[in-house]
Amino acid sequence: MNTMIWDEALVRKYNTKGPRYTSYPTALLLRSGYGAANALQALAQSGPELSLYLHLPFCRELCYYCGCNKVISRDQTKADRYIQALAREIQFYQRVTANKQVSQLHLGGGTPTFLDQQQLTQLMLLLRQQFNFAADAVLSIEIDPRSCDVPKLRLLRELGFSRVSFGVQDFDEKVQLAIHRQQSYQLVETLVLAARQLGFSSVNLDLVYGLPFQHPDSFTATLQQVRQLDPDRISLFSYAHLPERFAAQRKIPSEALPNAQQKLELLALSVKKLGQAGYQAIGMDHFAKAHDSLAIAQREGKLQRNFQGYTTDNCPAMLGLGVSAISQVGNQIWQQQKDLNLYYRQQLELGHSIDKGMALSLDDQIRADLIAELMCNFRLDTEKFAEKWQLDFASYFSSSLAQLTRCQQDGLVELTSQQLKVTTLGRPWVRVLAACFDAYLLPQSQQYSQVI
């Protein structure tokens, strides 16, 4: 449904801090001392299919808003050392991945297109030598338009990439200056048109709302420019202002940031404008044309959510490679060292760079399944869910349902004996609703961002 209702009283009541639930338990709960043998065993026991995520951390410029794991550098040779480290890391896993077939590959960052053409070619040669890619494997990459040109885009297509995501954030020059990310509409337009001509099957644009100096008129102009570019997908992320965690965000004047109500107005405006432009709302922050696989997956109830956000990737084994990358295979989640120097050092000392992780209990798996359903489909068939997990829904989730009572009274959710359904009014607050089923979450957990 491409409509959204916002209410100032609800903002005051529900705009708490909470996870985005790209996983459950969240990555912040992973524990040190996790044994690498657990990761290898999980991969060995998983099925024949494998999904890969590679984190490429380097960026030439510091974007003040960004909370990603990144290394700012203009030294191109740093990527050479990093590719060598990736080769060693892949070797560590090879004995349990050799017989698996890769169905998905995603390059994220940082800035994957920090790598020059020779380095990108070297990286893909390494991956294709060490992994068995399915003939119809889907390869996707995140692109900073400032670090890409048409020849590099052409190379990516030749290397097998079919999906590209361009980081736009906002086209307004005042906003761009405030977040230290200046790029013209013409630059993005050139790349989007080239991607179409080169035969990329899906083009995504990333936008961020809640940035400094954004207001309805300026963001309407950005949305109009996005509409002219006609991407297949749009990711519309809420800016999470956490200057206590991310030093670069301290460069953003807090007085220039929209407040929670203004952010919700920007979101409601975006939902309306994108709906009018023919985009289907996907989950809480994605939009897609009706023909796109993401929209089809949502209509068929097959939408997935993982550490990259909403996806069609239903592979039960996702292996993350590179600094800070997270893997989830079966009931095991683990993460690499987040500091690049520690990543290199541990790899040389131990042969791997796994820093922390955890094994999901049965309760974790049950709650993860429920939260994913709410985040992806905004509804849960409680009878089928109870049958699937062999439990009495009302009894098992009695404390969670008690927490949900006030949300039900405020019209955010409808609960019957057959289903749990997030209402149109409740969609902006789906993270709050999911949090009711989070057995680990403490009230107002400070390490998380505001819901709005």
Protein backbone atom coordinates (compact mmCIF):
# COMPACT_ATOMS: atom_id res chain seq x y z
CA MET A 1 0.00 0.00 0.00
CA ASN A 2 1.57 3.27 -1.13
CA THR A 3 0.05 5.41 1.60
CA MET A 4 1.26 6.38 5.03
CA ILE A 5 -0.49 8.03 7.94
CA TRP A 6 1.54 10.01 10.46
CA ASP A 7 0.45 11.39 13.78
CA GLU A 8 2.36 13.82 16.00
CA ALA A 9 1.12 12.14 19.18
CA LEU A 10 2.48 8.80 17.97
CA VAL A 11 5.85 10.40 17.26
CA ARG A 12 6.07 11.58 20.86
CA LYS A 13 4.99 8.19 22.18
CA TYR A 14 6.85 5.72 19.99
CA ASN A 15 9.98 7.45 18.69
CA THR A 16 12.30 5.39 20.87
CA LYS A 17 15.63 3.80 19.97
CA GLY A 18 15.71 0.34 18.47
CA PRO A 19 17.31 -2.04 15.95
CA ARG A 20 16.61 -2.11 12.22
CA TYR A 21 16.37 -5.91 12.46
CA THR A 22 18.47 -6.89 9.48
CA SER A 23 19.09 -9.88 11.72
CA TYR A 24 17.88 -11.31 14.99
CA PRO A 25 19.70 -11.40 17.32
CA THR A 26 21.32 -8.17 16.13
CA ALA A 27 25.02 -7.93 15.32
CA LEU A 28 25.64 -5.91 18.50
CA LEU A 29 24.90 -9.06 20.50
CA LEU A 30 27.60 -11.18 18.89
CA ARG A 31 30.14 -12.39 21.45
CA SER A 32 33.91 -12.50 21.52
CA GLY A 33 35.59 -15.88 21.79
CA TYR A 34 33.51 -17.43 19.03
CA GLY A 35 35.27 -20.49 17.65
CA ALA A 36 36.13 -20.51 13.95
CA ALA A 37 35.45 -24.26 13.99
CA ASN A 38 31.75 -23.46 14.50
CA ALA A 39 31.72 -21.42 11.30
CA LEU A 40 33.44 -24.15 9.30
CA GLN A 41 31.10 -26.81 10.65
CA ALA A 42 28.03 -24.73 9.81
CA LEU A 43 29.24 -24.26 6.24
CA ALA A 44 30.13 -27.94 5.90
CA GLN A 45 26.64 -28.95 7.03
CA SER A 46 24.78 -26.38 4.92
CA GLY A 47 23.19 -27.14 1.57
CA PRO A 48 24.75 -26.90 -1.89
CA GLU A 49 23.92 -23.21 -2.41
CA LEU A 50 26.00 -20.26 -1.21
CA SER A 51 25.46 -16.50 -1.19
CA LEU A 52 28.53 -14.24 -0.98
CA TYR A 53 28.95 -10.74 0.42
CA LEU A 54 32.27 -8.91 0.05
CA HIS A 55 33.01 -5.79 2.06
CA LEU A 56 35.38 -3.37 0.33
CA PRO A 57 36.02 -0.62 2.90
CA PHE A 58 38.00 2.03 1.03
CA CYS A 59 36.61 5.49 0.22
CA ARG A 60 38.40 8.49 -1.28
CA GLU A 61 36.26 11.02 0.58
CA LEU A 62 34.66 11.08 4.03
CA CYS A 63 30.87 11.46 3.88
CA TYR A 64 29.86 12.98 7.20
CA TYR A 65 26.54 11.11 7.51
CA CYS A 66 27.94 7.62 6.89
CA GLY A 67 27.96 4.98 9.61
CA CYS A 68 29.46 2.20 7.49
CA ASN A 69 32.77 0.51 8.23
CA LYS A 70 35.20 2.42 6.02
CA VAL A 71 38.82 3.44 5.49
CA ILE A 72 39.45 6.87 3.96
CA SER A 73 42.43 6.83 1.60
CA ARG A 74 43.63 8.01 -1.79
CA ASP A 75 46.33 5.33 -1.92
CA GLN A 76 45.17 2.95 -4.64
CA THR A 77 47.75 0.31 -3.68
CA LYS A 78 45.89 -0.36 -0.42
CA ALA A 79 43.34 -2.27 -2.46
CA ASP A 80 46.10 -4.60 -3.73
CA ARG A 81 47.00 -5.67 -0.20
CA TYR A 82 43.33 -6.10 0.62
CA ILE A 83 42.71 -8.40 -2.35
CA GLN A 84 45.64 -10.53 -1.22
CA ALA A 85 44.07 -10.76 2.24
CA LEU A 86 40.74 -11.77 0.69
CA ALA A 87 42.55 -14.55 -1.17
CA ARG A 88 43.90 -15.91 2.13
CA GLU A 89 40.49 -15.63 3.74
CA ILE A 90 38.83 -17.51 0.89
CA GLN A 91 41.48 -20.21 1.23
CA PHE A 92 40.51 -20.66 4.89
CA TYR A 93 36.93 -21.48 3.91
CA GLN A 94 37.69 -23.38 0.71
CA ARG A 95 37.59 -26.91 2.08
CA VAL A 96 33.95 -26.44 3.13
CA THR A 97 32.82 -24.32 0.17
CA ALA A 98 34.50 -26.11 -2.74
CA ASN A 99 31.42 -28.17 -3.61
CA LYS A 100 28.91 -25.35 -3.22
CA GLN A 101 27.43 -23.21 -5.97
CA VAL A 102 27.29 -19.44 -5.62
CA SER A 103 23.85 -18.07 -6.48
CA GLN A 104 24.37 -14.45 -5.34
CA LEU A 105 27.33 -12.09 -5.01
CA HIS A 106 27.09 -8.59 -3.59
CA LEU A 107 29.95 -6.11 -3.30
CA GLY A 108 29.37 -3.47 -0.64
CA GLY A 109 31.40 -0.95 1.27
CA GLY A 110 32.88 1.49 1.75
CA THR A 111 33.15 2.10 -1.96
CA PRO A 112 33.60 -1.02 -4.12
CA THR A 113 34.35 1.20 -7.12
CA PHE A 114 37.36 2.58 -5.24
CA LEU A 115 39.05 -0.35 -6.99
CA ASP A 116 40.39 0.51 -10.43
CA GLN A 117 39.62 -1.59 -13.49
CA GLN A 118 42.66 -3.84 -13.07
CA GLN A 119 41.86 -4.48 -9.40
CA LEU A 120 38.20 -5.22 -10.13
CA THR A 121 39.27 -7.69 -12.81
CA GLN A 122 41.76 -9.30 -10.43
CA LEU A 123 39.14 -9.60 -7.69
CA MET A 124 36.56 -11.24 -9.94
CA LEU A 125 39.18 -13.60 -11.38
CA LEU A 126 40.02 -14.66 -7.82
CA LEU A 127 36.37 -15.25 -6.94
CA ARG A 128 35.61 -17.24 -10.08
CA GLN A 129 38.72 -19.36 -9.60
CA GLN A 130 37.90 -20.17 -5.98
CA PHE A 131 34.11 -20.48 -6.13
CA ASN A 132 31.73 -22.29 -8.44
CA PHE A 133 29.28 -19.69 -9.74
CA ALA A 134 25.90 -20.82 -11.03
CA ALA A 135 25.22 -19.94 -14.65
CA ASP A 136 22.37 -17.68 -13.52
CA ALA A 137 24.14 -16.23 -10.47
CA VAL A 138 23.07 -12.67 -9.66
CA LEU A 139 25.98 -10.24 -9.22
CA SER A 140 25.32 -6.81 -7.71
CA ILE A 141 27.50 -3.89 -6.64
CA GLU A 142 27.18 -0.59 -4.78
CA ILE A 143 28.56 2.39 -6.70
CA ASP A 144 29.62 5.85 -5.61
CA PRO A 145 29.01 7.88 -8.81
CA ARG A 146 32.06 10.01 -8.01
CA SER A 147 34.33 6.96 -8.31
CA CYS A 148 32.85 5.48 -11.46
CA ASP A 149 32.75 6.32 -15.14
CA VAL A 150 31.24 4.66 -18.19
CA PRO A 151 34.34 2.53 -19.00
CA LYS A 152 34.36 1.13 -15.44
CA LEU A 153 30.62 0.48 -15.70
CA ARG A 154 31.20 -1.34 -18.98
CA LEU A 155 33.87 -3.48 -17.32
CA LEU A 156 31.49 -4.39 -14.49
CA ARG A 157 28.95 -5.59 -17.03
CA GLU A 158 31.63 -7.65 -18.79
CA LEU A 159 32.61 -9.16 -15.44
CA GLY A 160 29.06 -10.45 -15.02
CA PHE A 161 27.37 -7.83 -12.85
CA SER A 162 23.69 -7.34 -13.67
CA ARG A 163 22.52 -5.12 -10.78
CA VAL A 164 23.92 -1.75 -9.77
CA SER A 165 23.05 0.58 -6.92
CA PHE A 166 24.06 4.24 -7.14
CA GLY A 167 24.44 6.25 -3.94
CA VAL A 168 22.55 9.52 -4.47
CA GLN A 169 21.30 10.46 -0.96
CA ASP A 170 19.99 13.87 -2.11
CA PHE A 171 20.45 16.08 -5.18
CA ASP A 172 20.07 19.34 -3.24
CA GLU A 173 23.41 21.20 -3.26
CA LYS A 174 23.01 22.65 0.23
CA VAL A 175 22.36 19.20 1.67
CA GLN A 176 25.27 17.72 -0.28
CA LEU A 177 27.63 20.40 1.04
CA ALA A 178 26.50 19.78 4.63
CA ILE A 179 27.18 16.03 4.39
CA HIS A 180 30.40 16.45 2.36
CA ARG A 181 29.15 14.51 -0.64
CA GLN A 182 28.90 16.69 -3.72
CA GLN A 183 27.84 15.09 -6.98
CA SER A 184 25.76 16.51 -9.79
CA TYR A 185 22.52 15.23 -11.25
CA GLN A 186 24.25 15.11 -14.63
CA LEU A 187 26.91 12.73 -13.32
CA VAL A 188 24.31 10.30 -11.99
CA GLU A 189 22.18 10.65 -15.12
CA THR A 190 25.14 9.75 -17.34
CA LEU A 191 25.80 6.57 -15.36
CA VAL A 192 22.14 5.51 -15.15
CA LEU A 193 21.66 5.94 -18.91
CA ALA A 194 24.89 4.03 -19.56
CA ALA A 195 23.76 1.22 -17.24
CA ARG A 196 20.57 0.89 -19.30
CA GLN A 197 22.47 0.85 -22.57
CA LEU A 198 24.95 -1.72 -21.24
CA GLY A 199 22.15 -4.10 -20.31
CA PHE A 200 22.11 -4.04 -16.51
CA SER A 201 18.83 -5.68 -15.51
CA SER A 202 18.26 -3.58 -12.39
CA VAL A 203 19.24 -0.05 -11.39
CA ASN A 204 18.75 1.11 -7.80
CA LEU A 205 19.16 4.60 -6.36
CA ASP A 206 19.88 5.14 -2.66
CA LEU A 207 18.24 8.13 -0.97
CA VAL A 208 18.45 9.27 2.64
CA TYR A 209 15.84 11.34 4.47
CA GLY A 210 16.49 13.23 7.68
CA LEU A 211 19.72 14.86 6.45
CA PRO A 212 20.64 18.45 7.39
CA PHE A 213 18.70 21.22 5.64
CA GLN A 214 16.20 18.83 4.04
CA HIS A 215 12.64 20.11 3.86
CA PRO A 216 9.55 19.07 1.86
CA ASP A 217 10.14 21.45 -1.06
CA SER A 218 13.79 20.50 -1.53
CA PHE A 219 13.13 16.78 -1.19
CA THR A 220 10.20 17.01 -3.61
CA ALA A 221 12.68 18.38 -6.16
CA THR A 222 15.05 15.47 -5.49
CA LEU A 223 12.21 12.95 -5.86
CA GLN A 224 11.24 14.56 -9.17
CA GLN A 225 14.80 14.19 -10.44
CA VAL A 226 14.84 10.58 -9.29
CA ARG A 227 11.59 10.00 -11.14
CA GLN A 228 13.19 11.34 -14.32
CA LEU A 229 16.00 8.79 -13.96
CA ASP A 230 13.35 6.04 -13.71
CA PRO A 231 15.28 3.46 -11.63
CA ASP A 232 13.86 -0.02 -11.09
CA ARG A 233 14.33 0.27 -7.34
CA ILE A 234 14.75 3.00 -4.76
CA SER A 235 16.13 2.58 -1.25
CA LEU A 236 14.94 5.34 1.09
CA PHE A 237 16.92 5.14 4.30
CA SER A 238 16.35 7.08 7.49
CA TYR A 239 19.45 8.99 8.56
CA ALA A 240 20.62 7.68 11.93
CA HIS A 241 22.37 10.51 13.78
CA LEU A 242 24.71 8.83 16.27
CA PRO A 243 27.61 11.28 16.75
CA GLU A 244 28.66 9.48 19.93
CA ARG A 245 29.46 6.42 17.77
CA PHE A 246 30.52 8.02 14.48
CA ALA A 247 32.96 10.91 14.80
CA ALA A 248 32.32 12.27 11.30
CA GLN A 249 28.68 12.93 12.20
CA ARG A 250 29.88 15.52 14.72
CA LYS A 251 30.65 17.72 11.72
CA ILE A 252 26.92 17.90 10.95
CA PRO A 253 25.19 20.80 12.76
CA SER A 254 22.47 19.19 14.86
CA GLU A 255 20.30 22.31 14.60
CA ALA A 256 20.10 21.76 10.82
CA LEU A 257 18.58 18.29 11.18
CA PRO A 258 14.83 17.76 10.74
CA ASN A 259 13.11 16.72 13.96
CA ALA A 260 11.21 13.43 14.24
CA GLN A 261 7.90 14.88 13.07
CA GLN A 262 9.57 16.59 10.10
CA LYS A 263 11.35 13.35 9.21
CA LEU A 264 8.05 11.49 9.24
CA GLU A 265 6.58 14.17 6.97
CA LEU A 266 9.48 13.64 4.55
CA LEU A 267 8.84 9.90 4.63
CA ALA A 268 5.09 10.32 4.06
CA LEU A 269 5.82 12.73 1.20
CA SER A 270 8.21 10.22 -0.37
CA VAL A 271 5.76 7.34 -0.08
CA LYS A 272 3.07 9.44 -1.75
CA LYS A 273 5.27 10.77 -4.57
CA LEU A 274 6.89 7.42 -5.33
CA GLY A 275 3.51 5.70 -5.27
CA GLN A 276 2.21 8.23 -7.80
CA ALA A 277 5.27 7.46 -9.93
CA GLY A 278 4.36 3.77 -10.05
CA TYR A 279 6.59 2.37 -7.32
CA GLN A 280 5.41 -0.32 -4.94
CA ALA A 281 6.39 0.17 -1.29
CA ILE A 282 8.59 -2.72 -0.12
CA GLY A 283 8.93 -3.21 3.62
CA MET A 284 9.79 -0.08 5.55
CA ASP A 285 12.32 1.61 3.27
CA HIS A 286 12.41 0.18 -0.27
CA PHE A 287 10.38 0.85 -3.41
CA ALA A 288 10.29 -1.06 -6.68
CA LYS A 289 8.54 -1.08 -10.04
CA ALA A 290 5.90 -3.79 -10.36
CA HIS A 291 8.09 -5.81 -12.77
CA ASP A 292 11.08 -5.87 -10.41
CA SER A 293 11.92 -9.12 -8.64
CA LEU A 294 11.73 -7.38 -5.25
CA ALA A 295 8.12 -6.33 -5.88
CA ILE A 296 7.25 -9.77 -7.21
CA ALA A 297 8.77 -11.40 -4.12
CA GLN A 298 6.68 -9.20 -1.84
CA ARG A 299 3.47 -9.97 -3.72
CA GLU A 300 4.23 -13.69 -3.49
CA GLY A 301 5.14 -13.50 0.20
CA LYS A 302 8.76 -14.47 -0.51
CA LEU A 303 10.53 -11.25 0.46
CA GLN A 304 13.65 -11.75 2.58
CA ARG A 305 15.65 -9.51 4.90
CA ASN A 306 19.33 -9.90 5.75
CA PHE A 307 22.37 -7.78 6.58
CA GLN A 308 22.07 -5.99 3.22
CA GLY A 309 18.41 -5.10 3.84
CA TYR A 310 15.44 -6.31 1.79
CA THR A 311 16.31 -8.92 -0.81
CA THR A 312 15.03 -11.81 -2.90
CA ASP A 313 17.98 -13.92 -1.76
CA ASN A 314 16.59 -16.88 0.19
CA CYS A 315 19.85 -18.81 0.32
CA PRO A 316 20.25 -20.30 3.83
CA ALA A 317 24.03 -19.85 3.74
CA MET A 318 25.41 -16.32 3.42
CA LEU A 319 29.18 -16.01 3.71
CA GLY A 320 30.60 -12.55 4.39
CA LEU A 321 34.19 -11.87 3.35
CA GLY A 322 36.39 -8.91 4.21
CA VAL A 323 36.77 -6.59 7.18
CA SER A 324 33.62 -6.32 9.37
CA ALA A 325 31.62 -8.65 7.09
CA ILE A 326 28.90 -10.73 8.74
CA SER A 327 27.97 -14.30 7.85
CA GLN A 328 24.84 -16.26 8.67
CA VAL A 329 24.73 -19.97 7.99
CA GLY A 330 22.05 -22.10 9.57
CA ASN A 331 21.87 -21.19 13.25
CA GLN A 332 25.33 -19.59 13.30
CA ILE A 333 26.16 -15.88 12.92
CA TRP A 334 29.72 -14.55 12.94
CA GLN A 335 31.53 -11.34 12.11
CA GLN A 336 35.03 -10.50 10.93
CA GLN A 337 37.35 -8.08 12.71
CA LYS A 338 36.06 -4.53 12.19
CA ASP A 339 39.47 -2.83 12.42
CA LEU A 340 41.47 -3.26 9.21
CA ASN A 341 44.85 -3.61 10.93
CA LEU A 342 43.46 -6.23 13.33
CA TYR A 343 41.85 -7.96 10.35
CA TYR A 344 45.25 -8.27 8.67
CA ARG A 345 47.12 -9.21 11.85
CA GLN A 346 44.72 -11.92 13.01
CA GLN A 347 44.60 -13.42 9.55
CA LEU A 348 48.38 -13.85 9.54
CA GLU A 349 48.42 -15.20 13.11
CA LEU A 350 45.38 -17.51 13.07
CA GLY A 351 44.63 -18.02 9.40
CA HIS A 352 41.24 -16.31 9.68
CA SER A 353 39.78 -12.97 10.78
CA ILE A 354 36.65 -14.07 12.66
CA ASP A 355 36.20 -11.82 15.68
CA LYS A 356 32.89 -12.76 17.29
CA GLY A 357 29.69 -14.68 16.76
CA MET A 358 26.99 -16.79 18.34
CA ALA A 359 24.87 -19.88 17.88
CA LEU A 360 21.16 -19.13 17.73
CA SER A 361 19.05 -20.97 20.27
CA LEU A 362 15.69 -22.43 19.27
CA ASP A 363 14.01 -19.39 20.83
CA ASP A 364 16.28 -17.09 18.78
CA GLN A 365 15.28 -18.89 15.59
CA ILE A 366 11.57 -18.69 16.40
CA ARG A 367 11.72 -14.98 17.17
CA ALA A 368 13.92 -14.30 14.13
CA ASP A 369 11.30 -15.93 11.90
CA LEU A 370 8.49 -13.87 13.42
CA ILE A 371 10.37 -10.56 13.25
CA ALA A 372 11.35 -11.20 9.63
CA GLU A 373 7.70 -11.79 8.71
CA LEU A 374 6.65 -8.51 10.30
CA MET A 375 9.51 -6.55 8.71
CA CYS A 376 8.95 -8.04 5.24
CA ASN A 377 5.22 -8.64 4.95
CA PHE A 378 3.65 -6.58 7.77
CA ARG A 379 1.56 -9.57 8.76
CA LEU A 380 1.88 -13.00 10.33
CA ASP A 381 -0.44 -15.98 10.03
CA THR A 382 -0.28 -16.98 13.68
CA GLU A 383 -1.93 -20.37 13.14
CA LYS A 384 0.55 -21.45 10.45
CA PHE A 385 3.41 -20.03 12.49
CA ALA A 386 2.35 -21.99 15.57
CA GLU A 387 2.06 -25.16 13.50
CA LYS A 388 5.47 -24.61 11.90
CA TRP A 389 7.24 -24.22 15.25
CA GLN A 390 4.98 -26.58 17.24
CA LEU A 391 3.98 -24.07 19.89
CA ASP A 392 0.96 -22.34 21.39
CA PHE A 393 1.29 -18.80 20.03
CA ALA A 394 -0.58 -16.95 22.79
CA SER A 395 1.22 -18.81 25.55
CA TYR A 396 4.71 -18.72 24.04
CA PHE A 397 4.57 -14.99 23.30
CA SER A 398 2.46 -13.94 26.28
CA SER A 399 4.91 -11.29 27.51
CA SER A 400 5.46 -9.97 23.97
CA LEU A 401 1.73 -9.73 23.34
CA ALA A 402 1.33 -7.86 26.61
CA GLN A 403 3.87 -5.29 25.37
CA LEU A 404 1.94 -5.10 22.10
CA THR A 405 -1.30 -4.13 23.86
CA ARG A 406 -0.70 -0.38 23.82
CA CYS A 407 0.24 -0.57 20.12
CA GLN A 408 -3.02 -2.40 19.47
CA GLN A 409 -4.96 0.24 21.41
CA ASP A 410 -3.33 2.98 19.32
CA GLY A 411 -4.30 1.25 16.08
CA LEU A 412 -0.79 0.27 14.99
CA VAL A 413 -1.51 -3.44 14.86
CA GLU A 414 -4.51 -5.76 14.64
CA LEU A 415 -4.42 -9.10 16.43
CA THR A 416 -6.92 -11.92 15.98
CA SER A 417 -6.73 -15.63 16.68
CA GLN A 418 -5.58 -16.15 13.07
CA GLN A 419 -3.21 -13.29 12.33
CA LEU A 420 -1.09 -10.39 13.47
CA LYS A 421 -1.33 -7.49 11.01
CA VAL A 422 0.50 -4.17 10.95
CA THR A 423 -1.94 -1.42 9.96
CA THR A 424 -1.22 1.45 7.58
CA LEU A 425 -0.92 3.67 10.65
CA GLY A 426 1.56 1.23 12.16
CA ARG A 427 3.91 0.81 9.19
CA PRO A 428 6.29 3.63 10.16
CA TRP A 429 6.53 1.96 13.57
CA VAL A 430 7.18 -1.62 12.47
CA ARG A 431 10.54 -1.56 14.28
CA VAL A 432 8.69 -0.75 17.51
CA LEU A 433 6.28 -3.63 16.90
CA ALA A 434 9.12 -6.04 16.13
CA ALA A 435 10.91 -4.93 19.30
CA CYS A 436 8.01 -6.29 21.37
CA PHE A 437 9.21 -9.77 20.36
CA ASP A 438 12.91 -9.06 21.03
CA ALA A 439 13.99 -11.04 24.08
CA TYR A 440 17.30 -9.16 24.35
CA LEU A 441 16.27 -5.54 23.93
CA LEU A 442 16.49 -3.23 26.91
CA PRO A 443 14.25 -0.14 27.07
CA GLN A 444 15.76 2.79 25.16
CA SER A 445 18.91 0.86 24.23
CA GLN A 446 21.37 3.66 23.58
CA GLN A 447 23.47 1.86 20.97
CA TYR A 448 20.60 1.96 18.46
CA SER A 449 19.22 4.82 16.39
CA GLN A 450 15.85 6.53 16.79
CA VAL A 451 13.04 4.72 15.00
CA ILE A 452 12.20 7.95 13.13
